[in-house]
Amino acid sequence: MVKKKVTPIKLTRFEKARLIGARALQLSLGATPLVDISGSIDPVDIATLELKENVIPLKVGVLVK
């Protein structure tokens, strides 16, 4: 019987950076922000806010050996 490994829910700093970078690129190319933007229009700030509010439309696939 093969035991399935479970990874922790917390993202590493590298995964966070990858998600924020990918989402910031989408936003800079015209994607609609999923959070209310009141002050900053910087795509990186908007992507960071989306990640903090857990509404970022991206997922991380982790290969566990």
Protein backbone atom coordinates (compact mmCIF):
# COMPACT_ATOMS: atom_id res chain seq x y z
CA MET A 1 0.00 0.00 0.00
CA VAL A 2 1.38 3.42 -0.98
CA LYS A 3 1.14 6.10 1.67
CA LYS A 4 0.15 9.48 0.28
CA LYS A 5 2.25 12.38 1.56
CA VAL A 6 0.49 15.57 2.59
CA THR A 7 2.14 18.95 2.28
CA PRO A 8 1.49 21.81 4.70
CA ILE A 9 -1.03 24.48 3.71
CA LYS A 10 1.38 27.35 4.40
CA LEU A 11 3.11 28.69 1.28
CA THR A 12 6.86 29.12 1.22
CA ARG A 13 8.33 32.52 0.41
CA PHE A 14 9.29 31.20 -3.03
CA GLU A 15 5.75 30.07 -3.78
CA LYS A 16 4.39 33.42 -2.61
CA ALA A 17 6.85 35.29 -4.83
CA ARG A 18 5.92 33.14 -7.83
CA LEU A 19 2.19 33.67 -7.30
CA ILE A 20 2.53 37.42 -6.79
CA GLY A 21 4.77 37.74 -9.85
CA ALA A 22 2.44 35.74 -12.09
CA ARG A 23 -0.65 37.61 -10.92
CA ALA A 24 1.09 41.00 -11.23
CA LEU A 25 1.91 40.15 -14.84
CA GLN A 26 -1.73 39.29 -15.50
CA LEU A 27 -2.84 42.56 -13.92
CA SER A 28 -0.34 44.61 -15.91
CA LEU A 29 -1.69 43.02 -19.11
CA GLY A 30 -5.24 44.11 -18.29
CA ALA A 31 -6.75 41.49 -15.97
CA THR A 32 -9.47 42.73 -13.64
CA PRO A 33 -8.41 43.05 -9.98
CA LEU A 34 -10.38 40.84 -7.59
CA VAL A 35 -10.06 43.26 -4.66
CA ASP A 36 -11.04 46.88 -4.15
CA ILE A 37 -8.13 49.12 -5.05
CA SER A 38 -8.33 52.46 -3.31
CA GLY A 39 -4.82 53.86 -3.30
CA SER A 40 -2.11 52.00 -5.15
CA ILE A 41 -2.37 51.01 -8.79
CA ASP A 42 0.90 49.05 -8.77
CA PRO A 43 0.20 45.48 -10.00
CA VAL A 44 2.55 43.97 -7.40
CA ASP A 45 0.68 45.72 -4.56
CA ILE A 46 -2.67 44.58 -5.94
CA ALA A 47 -1.42 40.98 -6.35
CA THR A 48 -0.06 41.00 -2.78
CA LEU A 49 -3.40 42.22 -1.47
CA GLU A 50 -5.21 39.52 -3.44
CA LEU A 51 -2.94 36.87 -1.92
CA LYS A 52 -3.48 38.22 1.60
CA GLU A 53 -7.26 38.15 1.11
CA ASN A 54 -7.00 34.64 -0.40
CA VAL A 55 -8.80 35.53 -3.65
CA ILE A 56 -5.87 35.08 -6.03
CA PRO A 57 -7.05 32.86 -8.92
CA LEU A 58 -3.90 30.73 -9.06
CA LYS A 59 -2.89 27.43 -7.47
CA VAL A 60 0.43 25.89 -6.53
CA GLY A 61 1.23 22.34 -7.55
CA VAL A 62 3.84 20.71 -5.31
CA LEU A 63 5.59 17.49 -6.21
CA VAL A 64 6.41 15.53 -3.08
CA LYS A 65 8.82 12.62 -3.35
